[in-house]
Amino acid sequence: MDPKIIFEDKNIIVAEKPPKVPCQDDKSMDESLLSILREHIKKNNPQLKKVYLEIVHRLDRPVGGIMVFPKTRESNQNLSRQISGRSFRKDYLAIVCGNPAEESNELIDYLKKLKTTNMSKVTKEDDPNGKKAVLEYKVIDTMDTEEFGPLSLLHIKLKTGRHHQIRVQLSHAGFPLWGDTKYNKEFVKRKDWSQIALWAYKLNFKHPVKKGFVNVSTLPGDVYPWNIFDIEKKLS
């Protein structure tokens, strides 16, 4: 697979992760974006004896969108500090079932990971296993559909990085992600496969070596349900 490179220099590489492709190697043994990018670097730099490329943030396997990978230890440490210090901004697009009552809102929950099912759930604030999860959303547009009723396009600013955070919080708020077979009851009971409508569309962070910020974005492809919205126009 040829990777879609958004930006690359000697310090970092920014690429688009296709849906269904793992961001790093896992027990499935399927080709990951990390391994694909390592091969890309080897191909373009045959003189290198060893390729350094690491992962500093993740996307769930069903989710597509933009990711950044450090190509040096210095960049790795710098990006990791930005992420832990919450100065590393991640924006998502999501299509949810329903029409949120509030046009924009901040959701604050405490999430507990369920290791046996690889899921998370909302728990109480005093749960010792619960971790604070915060996101902001804004409704960009809503379309009525014959099969699914109203579908809403959301712009999401992720303020923390918890396991399945966006999926769990939106479901708990009453407007689950379209296509989510874990947290949307409508799709859990469906026999046919559907691609979750969640896309990591923008990253904004300080370049780990150079001065200034890197602001990069990518949009989902021309597939349902993304193509029922004029996303590029709505975001401009």
C-alpha atoms as a PDB file:
ATOM      1  CA  MET A   1       0.000   0.000   0.000  1.00  0.00           C
ATOM      2  CA  ASP A   2       1.323   3.450  -0.941  1.00  0.00           C
ATOM      3  CA  PRO A   3       0.851   5.849   1.984  1.00  0.00           C
ATOM      4  CA  LYS A   4      -0.835   9.215   1.564  1.00  0.00           C
ATOM      5  CA  ILE A   5       1.772  11.649   2.873  1.00  0.00           C
ATOM      6  CA  ILE A   6       0.504  15.064   3.965  1.00  0.00           C
ATOM      7  CA  PHE A   7       3.809  16.499   5.184  1.00  0.00           C
ATOM      8  CA  GLU A   8       7.318  15.163   5.673  1.00  0.00           C
ATOM      9  CA  ASP A   9      10.746  16.445   6.642  1.00  0.00           C
ATOM     10  CA  LYS A  10      13.743  14.884   8.414  1.00  0.00           C
ATOM     11  CA  ASN A  11      12.038  15.216  11.811  1.00  0.00           C
ATOM     12  CA  ILE A  12       8.415  14.112  11.339  1.00  0.00           C
ATOM     13  CA  ILE A  13       6.051  12.518   8.868  1.00  0.00           C
ATOM     14  CA  VAL A  14       2.320  13.282   8.712  1.00  0.00           C
ATOM     15  CA  ALA A  15       0.157  10.766   6.891  1.00  0.00           C
ATOM     16  CA  GLU A  16      -3.457   9.728   6.432  1.00  0.00           C
ATOM     17  CA  LYS A  17      -4.473   6.463   8.066  1.00  0.00           C
ATOM     18  CA  PRO A  18      -7.093   4.629   6.018  1.00  0.00           C
ATOM     19  CA  PRO A  19     -10.041   3.159   7.928  1.00  0.00           C
ATOM     20  CA  LYS A  20      -9.583  -0.508   8.930  1.00  0.00           C
ATOM     21  CA  VAL A  21      -5.780  -0.232   8.867  1.00  0.00           C
ATOM     22  CA  PRO A  22      -4.172  -0.525  12.336  1.00  0.00           C
ATOM     23  CA  CYS A  23      -1.918   2.378  13.263  1.00  0.00           C
ATOM     24  CA  GLN A  24       0.689  -0.041  14.647  1.00  0.00           C
ATOM     25  CA  ASP A  25       1.364  -3.764  14.503  1.00  0.00           C
ATOM     26  CA  ASP A  26      -1.057  -5.887  16.517  1.00  0.00           C
ATOM     27  CA  LYS A  27      -2.050  -9.524  16.978  1.00  0.00           C
ATOM     28  CA  SER A  28      -4.004  -9.500  13.707  1.00  0.00           C
ATOM     29  CA  MET A  29      -0.666  -9.420  11.845  1.00  0.00           C
ATOM     30  CA  ASP A  30      -2.255  -7.078   9.285  1.00  0.00           C
ATOM     31  CA  GLU A  31      -0.072  -4.424   7.694  1.00  0.00           C
ATOM     32  CA  SER A  32      -0.059  -1.286   9.861  1.00  0.00           C
ATOM     33  CA  LEU A  33       0.413   2.355   8.955  1.00  0.00           C
ATOM     34  CA  LEU A  34       3.591   2.418  11.039  1.00  0.00           C
ATOM     35  CA  SER A  35       5.137  -0.455   9.064  1.00  0.00           C
ATOM     36  CA  ILE A  36       3.978   1.056   5.752  1.00  0.00           C
ATOM     37  CA  LEU A  37       5.671   4.358   6.610  1.00  0.00           C
ATOM     38  CA  ARG A  38       8.861   2.627   7.686  1.00  0.00           C
ATOM     39  CA  GLU A  39       9.023   0.962   4.282  1.00  0.00           C
ATOM     40  CA  HIS A  40       8.356   4.331   2.654  1.00  0.00           C
ATOM     41  CA  ILE A  41      11.334   5.842   4.488  1.00  0.00           C
ATOM     42  CA  LYS A  42      13.587   2.886   3.617  1.00  0.00           C
ATOM     43  CA  LYS A  43      12.653   3.156  -0.041  1.00  0.00           C
ATOM     44  CA  ASN A  44      13.449   6.868  -0.194  1.00  0.00           C
ATOM     45  CA  ASN A  45      16.577   6.638   1.953  1.00  0.00           C
ATOM     46  CA  PRO A  46      18.374   3.405   0.972  1.00  0.00           C
ATOM     47  CA  GLN A  47      21.552   4.564   2.705  1.00  0.00           C
ATOM     48  CA  LEU A  48      19.891   4.302   6.140  1.00  0.00           C
ATOM     49  CA  LYS A  49      20.953   1.244   8.122  1.00  0.00           C
ATOM     50  CA  LYS A  50      18.066   1.570  10.549  1.00  0.00           C
ATOM     51  CA  VAL A  51      14.807   3.527  10.320  1.00  0.00           C
ATOM     52  CA  TYR A  52      13.657   5.347  13.440  1.00  0.00           C
ATOM     53  CA  LEU A  53       9.905   5.893  13.418  1.00  0.00           C
ATOM     54  CA  GLU A  54       7.681   5.784  16.487  1.00  0.00           C
ATOM     55  CA  ILE A  55       4.057   6.353  17.446  1.00  0.00           C
ATOM     56  CA  VAL A  56       2.985   9.120  19.845  1.00  0.00           C
ATOM     57  CA  HIS A  57      -0.798   9.042  19.423  1.00  0.00           C
ATOM     58  CA  ARG A  58      -3.292   6.503  18.153  1.00  0.00           C
ATOM     59  CA  LEU A  59      -6.512   6.081  16.229  1.00  0.00           C
ATOM     60  CA  ASP A  60      -8.920   3.189  16.700  1.00  0.00           C
ATOM     61  CA  ARG A  61      -8.606   0.725  13.844  1.00  0.00           C
ATOM     62  CA  PRO A  62     -12.026   1.580  12.282  1.00  0.00           C
ATOM     63  CA  VAL A  63     -11.234   5.312  12.355  1.00  0.00           C
ATOM     64  CA  GLY A  64      -9.514   7.057   9.465  1.00  0.00           C
ATOM     65  CA  GLY A  65      -7.663  10.326   9.368  1.00  0.00           C
ATOM     66  CA  ILE A  66      -4.462  12.196  10.008  1.00  0.00           C
ATOM     67  CA  MET A  67      -1.544  11.139  12.216  1.00  0.00           C
ATOM     68  CA  VAL A  68       1.983  12.405  12.903  1.00  0.00           C
ATOM     69  CA  PHE A  69       4.990  10.157  13.514  1.00  0.00           C
ATOM     70  CA  PRO A  70       8.383  11.310  14.871  1.00  0.00           C
ATOM     71  CA  LYS A  71      11.436  10.299  12.843  1.00  0.00           C
ATOM     72  CA  THR A  72      13.980  11.109  15.579  1.00  0.00           C
ATOM     73  CA  ARG A  73      14.209  10.570  19.334  1.00  0.00           C
ATOM     74  CA  GLU A  74      14.289  14.330  19.874  1.00  0.00           C
ATOM     75  CA  SER A  75      11.023  14.758  17.947  1.00  0.00           C
ATOM     76  CA  ASN A  76       9.489  11.838  19.804  1.00  0.00           C
ATOM     77  CA  GLN A  77      10.228  13.390  23.187  1.00  0.00           C
ATOM     78  CA  ASN A  78       9.026  16.835  22.109  1.00  0.00           C
ATOM     79  CA  LEU A  79       5.726  15.632  20.628  1.00  0.00           C
ATOM     80  CA  SER A  80       5.107  13.402  23.642  1.00  0.00           C
ATOM     81  CA  ARG A  81       5.515  16.430  25.934  1.00  0.00           C
ATOM     82  CA  GLN A  82       3.076  18.443  23.814  1.00  0.00           C
ATOM     83  CA  ILE A  83       0.508  15.667  24.002  1.00  0.00           C
ATOM     84  CA  SER A  84       0.841  15.174  27.756  1.00  0.00           C
ATOM     85  CA  GLY A  85       0.741  18.955  28.230  1.00  0.00           C
ATOM     86  CA  ARG A  86      -2.402  19.197  26.063  1.00  0.00           C
ATOM     87  CA  SER A  87      -0.935  21.747  23.661  1.00  0.00           C
ATOM     88  CA  PHE A  88      -1.226  19.216  20.825  1.00  0.00           C
ATOM     89  CA  ARG A  89      -4.609  19.887  19.192  1.00  0.00           C
ATOM     90  CA  LYS A  90      -6.654  17.111  17.556  1.00  0.00           C
ATOM     91  CA  ASP A  91      -9.885  17.883  15.668  1.00  0.00           C
ATOM     92  CA  TYR A  92     -12.322  15.277  14.395  1.00  0.00           C
ATOM     93  CA  LEU A  93     -15.351  15.099  12.150  1.00  0.00           C
ATOM     94  CA  ALA A  94     -18.174  12.800  13.155  1.00  0.00           C
ATOM     95  CA  ILE A  95     -21.600  11.883  11.854  1.00  0.00           C
ATOM     96  CA  VAL A  96     -24.048  10.957  14.574  1.00  0.00           C
ATOM     97  CA  CYS A  97     -27.554   9.560  14.612  1.00  0.00           C
ATOM     98  CA  GLY A  98     -29.975  12.225  15.780  1.00  0.00           C
ATOM     99  CA  ASN A  99     -29.894  15.976  16.176  1.00  0.00           C
ATOM    100  CA  PRO A 100     -28.209  17.190  19.383  1.00  0.00           C
ATOM    101  CA  ALA A 101     -30.411  19.552  21.385  1.00  0.00           C
ATOM    102  CA  GLU A 102     -27.530  21.980  21.851  1.00  0.00           C
ATOM    103  CA  GLU A 103     -25.705  23.351  18.818  1.00  0.00           C
ATOM    104  CA  SER A 104     -22.422  23.299  20.723  1.00  0.00           C
ATOM    105  CA  ASN A 105     -21.372  21.955  24.091  1.00  0.00           C
ATOM    106  CA  GLU A 106     -18.542  20.602  26.199  1.00  0.00           C
ATOM    107  CA  LEU A 107     -18.931  17.035  27.385  1.00  0.00           C
ATOM    108  CA  ILE A 108     -17.196  16.022  30.613  1.00  0.00           C
ATOM    109  CA  ASP A 109     -17.369  12.395  31.722  1.00  0.00           C
ATOM    110  CA  TYR A 110     -15.334   9.840  33.612  1.00  0.00           C
ATOM    111  CA  LEU A 111     -14.505   6.746  31.592  1.00  0.00           C
ATOM    112  CA  LYS A 112     -13.595   3.280  32.760  1.00  0.00           C
ATOM    113  CA  LYS A 113     -11.941   0.795  30.412  1.00  0.00           C
ATOM    114  CA  LEU A 114     -13.413  -2.707  30.331  1.00  0.00           C
ATOM    115  CA  LYS A 115     -10.442  -4.913  29.526  1.00  0.00           C
ATOM    116  CA  THR A 116     -12.438  -8.102  28.928  1.00  0.00           C
ATOM    117  CA  THR A 117     -14.512  -6.559  26.105  1.00  0.00           C
ATOM    118  CA  ASN A 118     -12.105  -3.880  24.807  1.00  0.00           C
ATOM    119  CA  MET A 119     -14.765  -1.262  25.485  1.00  0.00           C
ATOM    120  CA  SER A 120     -15.157   1.680  27.849  1.00  0.00           C
ATOM    121  CA  LYS A 121     -18.107   3.020  29.793  1.00  0.00           C
ATOM    122  CA  VAL A 122     -19.065   6.170  31.658  1.00  0.00           C
ATOM    123  CA  THR A 123     -18.573   5.795  35.395  1.00  0.00           C
ATOM    124  CA  LYS A 124     -18.827   7.978  38.500  1.00  0.00           C
ATOM    125  CA  GLU A 125     -16.311  10.695  39.287  1.00  0.00           C
ATOM    126  CA  ASP A 126     -15.207   8.908  42.468  1.00  0.00           C
ATOM    127  CA  ASP A 127     -14.517   5.613  40.679  1.00  0.00           C
ATOM    128  CA  PRO A 128     -10.775   4.952  41.241  1.00  0.00           C
ATOM    129  CA  ASN A 129     -10.590   3.369  37.766  1.00  0.00           C
ATOM    130  CA  GLY A 130     -12.327   6.264  36.056  1.00  0.00           C
ATOM    131  CA  LYS A 131     -10.398   8.848  34.025  1.00  0.00           C
ATOM    132  CA  LYS A 132     -11.658  12.318  33.169  1.00  0.00           C
ATOM    133  CA  ALA A 133     -12.646  12.742  29.513  1.00  0.00           C
ATOM    134  CA  VAL A 134     -13.341  16.121  27.923  1.00  0.00           C
ATOM    135  CA  LEU A 135     -14.372  17.094  24.410  1.00  0.00           C
ATOM    136  CA  GLU A 136     -16.106  19.990  22.705  1.00  0.00           C
ATOM    137  CA  TYR A 137     -18.491  19.556  19.804  1.00  0.00           C
ATOM    138  CA  LYS A 138     -20.268  21.839  17.380  1.00  0.00           C
ATOM    139  CA  VAL A 139     -23.075  20.837  15.029  1.00  0.00           C
ATOM    140  CA  ILE A 140     -22.080  21.813  11.490  1.00  0.00           C
ATOM    141  CA  ASP A 141     -25.126  20.511   9.626  1.00  0.00           C
ATOM    142  CA  THR A 142     -28.059  18.095   9.920  1.00  0.00           C
ATOM    143  CA  MET A 143     -29.647  16.066   7.117  1.00  0.00           C
ATOM    144  CA  ASP A 144     -32.814  13.990   7.186  1.00  0.00           C
ATOM    145  CA  THR A 145     -32.438  10.516   5.704  1.00  0.00           C
ATOM    146  CA  GLU A 146     -35.093   7.965   4.856  1.00  0.00           C
ATOM    147  CA  GLU A 147     -33.342   5.011   6.463  1.00  0.00           C
ATOM    148  CA  PHE A 148     -31.652   6.528   9.517  1.00  0.00           C
ATOM    149  CA  GLY A 149     -33.687   9.637  10.265  1.00  0.00           C
ATOM    150  CA  PRO A 150     -31.717  12.809  11.076  1.00  0.00           C
ATOM    151  CA  LEU A 151     -27.937  12.550  10.784  1.00  0.00           C
ATOM    152  CA  SER A 152     -25.761  15.355  12.131  1.00  0.00           C
ATOM    153  CA  LEU A 153     -22.237  16.332  11.124  1.00  0.00           C
ATOM    154  CA  LEU A 154     -20.155  17.393  14.132  1.00  0.00           C
ATOM    155  CA  HIS A 155     -16.829  19.156  14.522  1.00  0.00           C
ATOM    156  CA  ILE A 156     -15.099  17.790  17.627  1.00  0.00           C
ATOM    157  CA  LYS A 157     -12.162  19.204  19.554  1.00  0.00           C
ATOM    158  CA  LEU A 158     -10.628  16.462  21.653  1.00  0.00           C
ATOM    159  CA  LYS A 159      -9.151  17.740  24.917  1.00  0.00           C
ATOM    160  CA  THR A 160      -8.158  14.398  26.450  1.00  0.00           C
ATOM    161  CA  GLY A 161      -7.196  11.083  24.894  1.00  0.00           C
ATOM    162  CA  ARG A 162      -9.118   8.214  26.485  1.00  0.00           C
ATOM    163  CA  HIS A 163      -9.895   4.764  25.137  1.00  0.00           C
ATOM    164  CA  HIS A 164     -12.827   5.028  22.669  1.00  0.00           C
ATOM    165  CA  GLN A 165     -13.486   8.478  24.147  1.00  0.00           C
ATOM    166  CA  ILE A 166     -15.452  10.120  21.340  1.00  0.00           C
ATOM    167  CA  ARG A 167     -17.488   6.982  20.705  1.00  0.00           C
ATOM    168  CA  VAL A 168     -18.430   6.529  24.369  1.00  0.00           C
ATOM    169  CA  GLN A 169     -19.132  10.166  25.180  1.00  0.00           C
ATOM    170  CA  LEU A 170     -21.345  10.803  22.148  1.00  0.00           C
ATOM    171  CA  SER A 171     -23.289   7.600  22.766  1.00  0.00           C
ATOM    172  CA  HIS A 172     -23.766   8.534  26.427  1.00  0.00           C
ATOM    173  CA  ALA A 173     -24.970  11.998  25.377  1.00  0.00           C
ATOM    174  CA  GLY A 174     -27.713  10.406  23.276  1.00  0.00           C
ATOM    175  CA  PHE A 175     -26.332  10.824  19.752  1.00  0.00           C
ATOM    176  CA  PRO A 176     -24.093   7.826  18.934  1.00  0.00           C
ATOM    177  CA  LEU A 177     -21.807   7.616  15.943  1.00  0.00           C
ATOM    178  CA  TRP A 178     -23.256   6.303  12.697  1.00  0.00           C
ATOM    179  CA  GLY A 179     -21.865   2.856  11.969  1.00  0.00           C
ATOM    180  CA  ASP A 180     -20.508   2.206  15.470  1.00  0.00           C
ATOM    181  CA  THR A 181     -21.097  -1.489  16.186  1.00  0.00           C
ATOM    182  CA  LYS A 182     -19.910  -1.183  19.785  1.00  0.00           C
ATOM    183  CA  TYR A 183     -21.761   1.849  21.147  1.00  0.00           C
ATOM    184  CA  ASN A 184     -24.686   2.484  18.776  1.00  0.00           C
ATOM    185  CA  LYS A 185     -27.540   0.075  19.541  1.00  0.00           C
ATOM    186  CA  GLU A 186     -28.945   0.509  16.024  1.00  0.00           C
ATOM    187  CA  PHE A 187     -25.762  -0.858  14.499  1.00  0.00           C
ATOM    188  CA  VAL A 188     -24.925  -3.450  17.160  1.00  0.00           C
ATOM    189  CA  LYS A 189     -27.898  -5.526  16.015  1.00  0.00           C
ATOM    190  CA  ARG A 190     -27.183  -5.153  12.285  1.00  0.00           C
ATOM    191  CA  LYS A 191     -25.722  -8.173  10.512  1.00  0.00           C
ATOM    192  CA  ASP A 192     -24.118  -6.261   7.644  1.00  0.00           C
ATOM    193  CA  TRP A 193     -20.841  -4.406   8.137  1.00  0.00           C
ATOM    194  CA  SER A 194     -20.712  -0.606   8.220  1.00  0.00           C
ATOM    195  CA  GLN A 195     -17.781   1.813   8.458  1.00  0.00           C
ATOM    196  CA  ILE A 196     -17.840   4.046  11.531  1.00  0.00           C
ATOM    197  CA  ALA A 197     -18.332   7.729  10.649  1.00  0.00           C
ATOM    198  CA  LEU A 198     -15.452   9.214  12.623  1.00  0.00           C
ATOM    199  CA  TRP A 199     -12.513  10.985  10.984  1.00  0.00           C
ATOM    200  CA  ALA A 200      -9.408  12.621  12.471  1.00  0.00           C
ATOM    201  CA  TYR A 201      -9.298  15.602  10.157  1.00  0.00           C
ATOM    202  CA  LYS A 202      -6.921  18.165  11.658  1.00  0.00           C
ATOM    203  CA  LEU A 203      -3.733  18.348  13.723  1.00  0.00           C
ATOM    204  CA  ASN A 204      -2.143  21.495  15.094  1.00  0.00           C
ATOM    205  CA  PHE A 205       1.129  21.292  17.010  1.00  0.00           C
ATOM    206  CA  LYS A 206       4.455  23.056  17.407  1.00  0.00           C
ATOM    207  CA  HIS A 207       7.133  21.660  15.137  1.00  0.00           C
ATOM    208  CA  PRO A 208       9.439  19.621  17.397  1.00  0.00           C
ATOM    209  CA  VAL A 209      12.608  21.214  16.019  1.00  0.00           C
ATOM    210  CA  LYS A 210      11.825  24.229  13.860  1.00  0.00           C
ATOM    211  CA  LYS A 211      10.070  27.395  14.994  1.00  0.00           C
ATOM    212  CA  GLY A 212       6.398  27.765  14.254  1.00  0.00           C
ATOM    213  CA  PHE A 213       3.373  25.500  14.175  1.00  0.00           C
ATOM    214  CA  VAL A 214       2.327  22.695  11.867  1.00  0.00           C
ATOM    215  CA  ASN A 215      -1.354  22.881  10.888  1.00  0.00           C
ATOM    216  CA  VAL A 216      -2.441  19.991   8.659  1.00  0.00           C
ATOM    217  CA  SER A 217      -5.779  18.514   7.654  1.00  0.00           C
ATOM    218  CA  THR A 218      -7.420  15.896   5.455  1.00  0.00           C
ATOM    219  CA  LEU A 219     -11.054  15.103   4.679  1.00  0.00           C
ATOM    220  CA  PRO A 220     -12.913  11.773   4.407  1.00  0.00           C
ATOM    221  CA  GLY A 221     -13.562  10.268   0.999  1.00  0.00           C
ATOM    222  CA  ASP A 222     -16.654  10.396  -1.203  1.00  0.00           C
ATOM    223  CA  VAL A 223     -18.540   7.615   0.586  1.00  0.00           C
ATOM    224  CA  TYR A 224     -21.802   7.385   2.510  1.00  0.00           C
ATOM    225  CA  PRO A 225     -22.685   9.008   4.874  1.00  0.00           C
ATOM    226  CA  TRP A 226     -19.931  11.604   4.458  1.00  0.00           C
ATOM    227  CA  ASN A 227     -21.050  12.434   0.911  1.00  0.00           C
ATOM    228  CA  ILE A 228     -24.523  13.599   1.950  1.00  0.00           C
ATOM    229  CA  PHE A 229     -22.858  16.679   3.469  1.00  0.00           C
ATOM    230  CA  ASP A 230     -20.971  19.424   1.649  1.00  0.00           C
ATOM    231  CA  ILE A 231     -18.150  19.158   4.188  1.00  0.00           C
ATOM    232  CA  GLU A 232     -15.531  21.315   2.469  1.00  0.00           C
ATOM    233  CA  LYS A 233     -17.991  24.170   2.025  1.00  0.00           C
ATOM    234  CA  LYS A 234     -19.289  23.908   5.576  1.00  0.00           C
ATOM    235  CA  LEU A 235     -15.780  24.035   7.036  1.00  0.00           C
ATOM    236  CA  SER A 236     -14.613  26.993   4.932  1.00  0.00           C
END
